Amino acid sequence: MSARPADPDLRRRLLADGWEERFSASGLRLEEAVLYYRSLGFEVRVEELFEAAADGTCTQCFAVDGADGPTGIVFTRGEAAPPPDKDGLFEE
């Protein structure tokens, strides 16, 4: 995650640049999500909640870092890798 000052236009710029907002998470859940989306072939970007959610939505519950660390918003861009061929995966 970045440590820059809040930028009210960040979310708008990310969406305009082709990033898709996925969800918010923290700690291990956040790390898990990043690994998951990368394994699917997506480009992944994580932004601090306050920077990305500068659209006026309430973020007060995320103001304090929990035991798992700061909360971030996962953004992805690109296309997922094609699914594996089903042949050989399932018994018929």
C-alpha atoms as a PDB file:
ATOM      1  CA  MET A   1       0.000   0.000   0.000  1.00  0.00           C
ATOM      2  CA  SER A   2       1.115   3.518  -0.589  1.00  0.00           C
ATOM      3  CA  ALA A   3       1.868   6.156   2.011  1.00  0.00           C
ATOM      4  CA  ARG A   4       0.968   9.252  -0.003  1.00  0.00           C
ATOM      5  CA  PRO A   5      -1.433  11.945   1.130  1.00  0.00           C
ATOM      6  CA  ALA A   6      -5.094  11.320   0.350  1.00  0.00           C
ATOM      7  CA  ASP A   7      -6.040  12.069  -3.237  1.00  0.00           C
ATOM      8  CA  PRO A   8      -9.781  12.629  -3.736  1.00  0.00           C
ATOM      9  CA  ASP A   9      -9.528  11.792  -7.431  1.00  0.00           C
ATOM     10  CA  LEU A  10      -7.578   8.546  -7.044  1.00  0.00           C
ATOM     11  CA  ARG A  11     -10.550   6.170  -7.280  1.00  0.00           C
ATOM     12  CA  ARG A  12     -11.957   7.975 -10.319  1.00  0.00           C
ATOM     13  CA  ARG A  13      -8.567   7.886 -12.076  1.00  0.00           C
ATOM     14  CA  LEU A  14      -8.048   4.201 -11.314  1.00  0.00           C
ATOM     15  CA  LEU A  15     -11.458   3.285 -12.707  1.00  0.00           C
ATOM     16  CA  ALA A  16     -10.846   5.450 -15.783  1.00  0.00           C
ATOM     17  CA  ASP A  17      -7.510   3.656 -16.307  1.00  0.00           C
ATOM     18  CA  GLY A  18      -9.249   0.290 -16.483  1.00  0.00           C
ATOM     19  CA  TRP A  19      -8.882  -0.838 -12.879  1.00  0.00           C
ATOM     20  CA  GLU A  20     -11.838  -2.663 -11.333  1.00  0.00           C
ATOM     21  CA  GLU A  21     -12.556  -2.209  -7.633  1.00  0.00           C
ATOM     22  CA  ARG A  22     -12.944  -5.641  -6.021  1.00  0.00           C
ATOM     23  CA  PHE A  23     -13.335  -5.313  -2.240  1.00  0.00           C
ATOM     24  CA  SER A  24     -11.767  -4.155   1.020  1.00  0.00           C
ATOM     25  CA  ALA A  25      -9.799  -6.404   3.348  1.00  0.00           C
ATOM     26  CA  SER A  26      -6.927  -6.361   5.824  1.00  0.00           C
ATOM     27  CA  GLY A  27      -4.150  -8.594   7.053  1.00  0.00           C
ATOM     28  CA  LEU A  28      -4.048 -12.165   5.839  1.00  0.00           C
ATOM     29  CA  ARG A  29      -7.314 -11.803   3.943  1.00  0.00           C
ATOM     30  CA  LEU A  30      -5.822  -8.926   1.954  1.00  0.00           C
ATOM     31  CA  GLU A  31      -2.643 -10.878   1.189  1.00  0.00           C
ATOM     32  CA  GLU A  32      -4.735 -13.909   0.207  1.00  0.00           C
ATOM     33  CA  ALA A  33      -6.825 -11.835  -2.207  1.00  0.00           C
ATOM     34  CA  VAL A  34      -3.742 -10.336  -3.866  1.00  0.00           C
ATOM     35  CA  LEU A  35      -2.194 -13.774  -4.381  1.00  0.00           C
ATOM     36  CA  TYR A  36      -5.492 -15.162  -5.670  1.00  0.00           C
ATOM     37  CA  TYR A  37      -6.067 -12.434  -8.265  1.00  0.00           C
ATOM     38  CA  ARG A  38      -2.439 -12.602  -9.415  1.00  0.00           C
ATOM     39  CA  SER A  39      -2.740 -16.383  -9.806  1.00  0.00           C
ATOM     40  CA  LEU A  40      -5.695 -15.765 -12.115  1.00  0.00           C
ATOM     41  CA  GLY A  41      -3.538 -13.524 -14.298  1.00  0.00           C
ATOM     42  CA  PHE A  42      -4.779 -10.115 -13.166  1.00  0.00           C
ATOM     43  CA  GLU A  43      -2.599  -7.102 -12.526  1.00  0.00           C
ATOM     44  CA  VAL A  44      -3.255  -6.211  -8.867  1.00  0.00           C
ATOM     45  CA  ARG A  45      -3.062  -2.908  -7.048  1.00  0.00           C
ATOM     46  CA  VAL A  46      -3.857  -2.244  -3.381  1.00  0.00           C
ATOM     47  CA  GLU A  47      -4.654   1.240  -2.151  1.00  0.00           C
ATOM     48  CA  GLU A  48      -5.219   2.485   1.353  1.00  0.00           C
ATOM     49  CA  LEU A  49      -8.905   2.664   2.058  1.00  0.00           C
ATOM     50  CA  PHE A  50      -9.040   6.402   2.636  1.00  0.00           C
ATOM     51  CA  GLU A  51      -7.218   7.224  -0.571  1.00  0.00           C
ATOM     52  CA  ALA A  52      -9.371   4.990  -2.739  1.00  0.00           C
ATOM     53  CA  ALA A  53     -12.705   5.660  -1.022  1.00  0.00           C
ATOM     54  CA  ALA A  54     -12.551   9.442  -1.347  1.00  0.00           C
ATOM     55  CA  ASP A  55     -15.940   9.330  -3.076  1.00  0.00           C
ATOM     56  CA  GLY A  56     -17.794  10.403   0.076  1.00  0.00           C
ATOM     57  CA  THR A  57     -18.737   6.962   1.331  1.00  0.00           C
ATOM     58  CA  CYS A  58     -18.440   6.406   5.052  1.00  0.00           C
ATOM     59  CA  THR A  59     -15.133   4.850   6.069  1.00  0.00           C
ATOM     60  CA  GLN A  60     -15.115   5.622   9.802  1.00  0.00           C
ATOM     61  CA  CYS A  61     -15.103   1.960  10.813  1.00  0.00           C
ATOM     62  CA  PHE A  62     -11.777   1.544   9.003  1.00  0.00           C
ATOM     63  CA  ALA A  63     -10.107   4.530  10.705  1.00  0.00           C
ATOM     64  CA  VAL A  64      -8.333   2.360  13.270  1.00  0.00           C
ATOM     65  CA  ASP A  65      -5.960  -0.376  12.198  1.00  0.00           C
ATOM     66  CA  GLY A  66      -7.105  -3.692  13.549  1.00  0.00           C
ATOM     67  CA  ALA A  67      -4.963  -6.539  14.755  1.00  0.00           C
ATOM     68  CA  ASP A  68      -4.568  -7.580  11.135  1.00  0.00           C
ATOM     69  CA  GLY A  69      -3.136  -4.233  10.024  1.00  0.00           C
ATOM     70  CA  PRO A  70      -4.457  -1.479   7.788  1.00  0.00           C
ATOM     71  CA  THR A  71      -7.409  -1.990   5.508  1.00  0.00           C
ATOM     72  CA  GLY A  72      -6.840  -1.766   1.774  1.00  0.00           C
ATOM     73  CA  ILE A  73      -8.962  -1.863  -1.336  1.00  0.00           C
ATOM     74  CA  VAL A  74      -8.017  -4.444  -3.949  1.00  0.00           C
ATOM     75  CA  PHE A  75      -8.151  -3.260  -7.567  1.00  0.00           C
ATOM     76  CA  THR A  76      -7.497  -5.517 -10.537  1.00  0.00           C
ATOM     77  CA  ARG A  77      -6.879  -4.868 -14.203  1.00  0.00           C
ATOM     78  CA  GLY A  78      -6.586  -7.100 -17.213  1.00  0.00           C
ATOM     79  CA  GLU A  79      -8.123 -10.415 -18.084  1.00  0.00           C
ATOM     80  CA  ALA A  80      -8.073 -13.589 -16.086  1.00  0.00           C
ATOM     81  CA  ALA A  81      -6.081 -16.450 -17.493  1.00  0.00           C
ATOM     82  CA  PRO A  82      -8.235 -18.925 -19.421  1.00  0.00           C
ATOM     83  CA  PRO A  83      -9.594 -21.734 -17.268  1.00  0.00           C
ATOM     84  CA  PRO A  84      -7.721 -25.020 -17.469  1.00  0.00           C
ATOM     85  CA  ASP A  85      -8.976 -27.606 -19.908  1.00  0.00           C
ATOM     86  CA  LYS A  86     -11.587 -29.780 -18.201  1.00  0.00           C
ATOM     87  CA  ASP A  87     -10.164 -32.935 -19.749  1.00  0.00           C
ATOM     88  CA  GLY A  88      -8.516 -34.962 -17.050  1.00  0.00           C
ATOM     89  CA  LEU A  89      -9.892 -32.931 -14.160  1.00  0.00           C
ATOM     90  CA  PHE A  90     -13.026 -34.912 -13.543  1.00  0.00           C
ATOM     91  CA  GLU A  91     -13.791 -38.562 -13.784  1.00  0.00           C
ATOM     92  CA  GLU A  92     -16.610 -39.426 -16.100  1.00  0.00           C
END
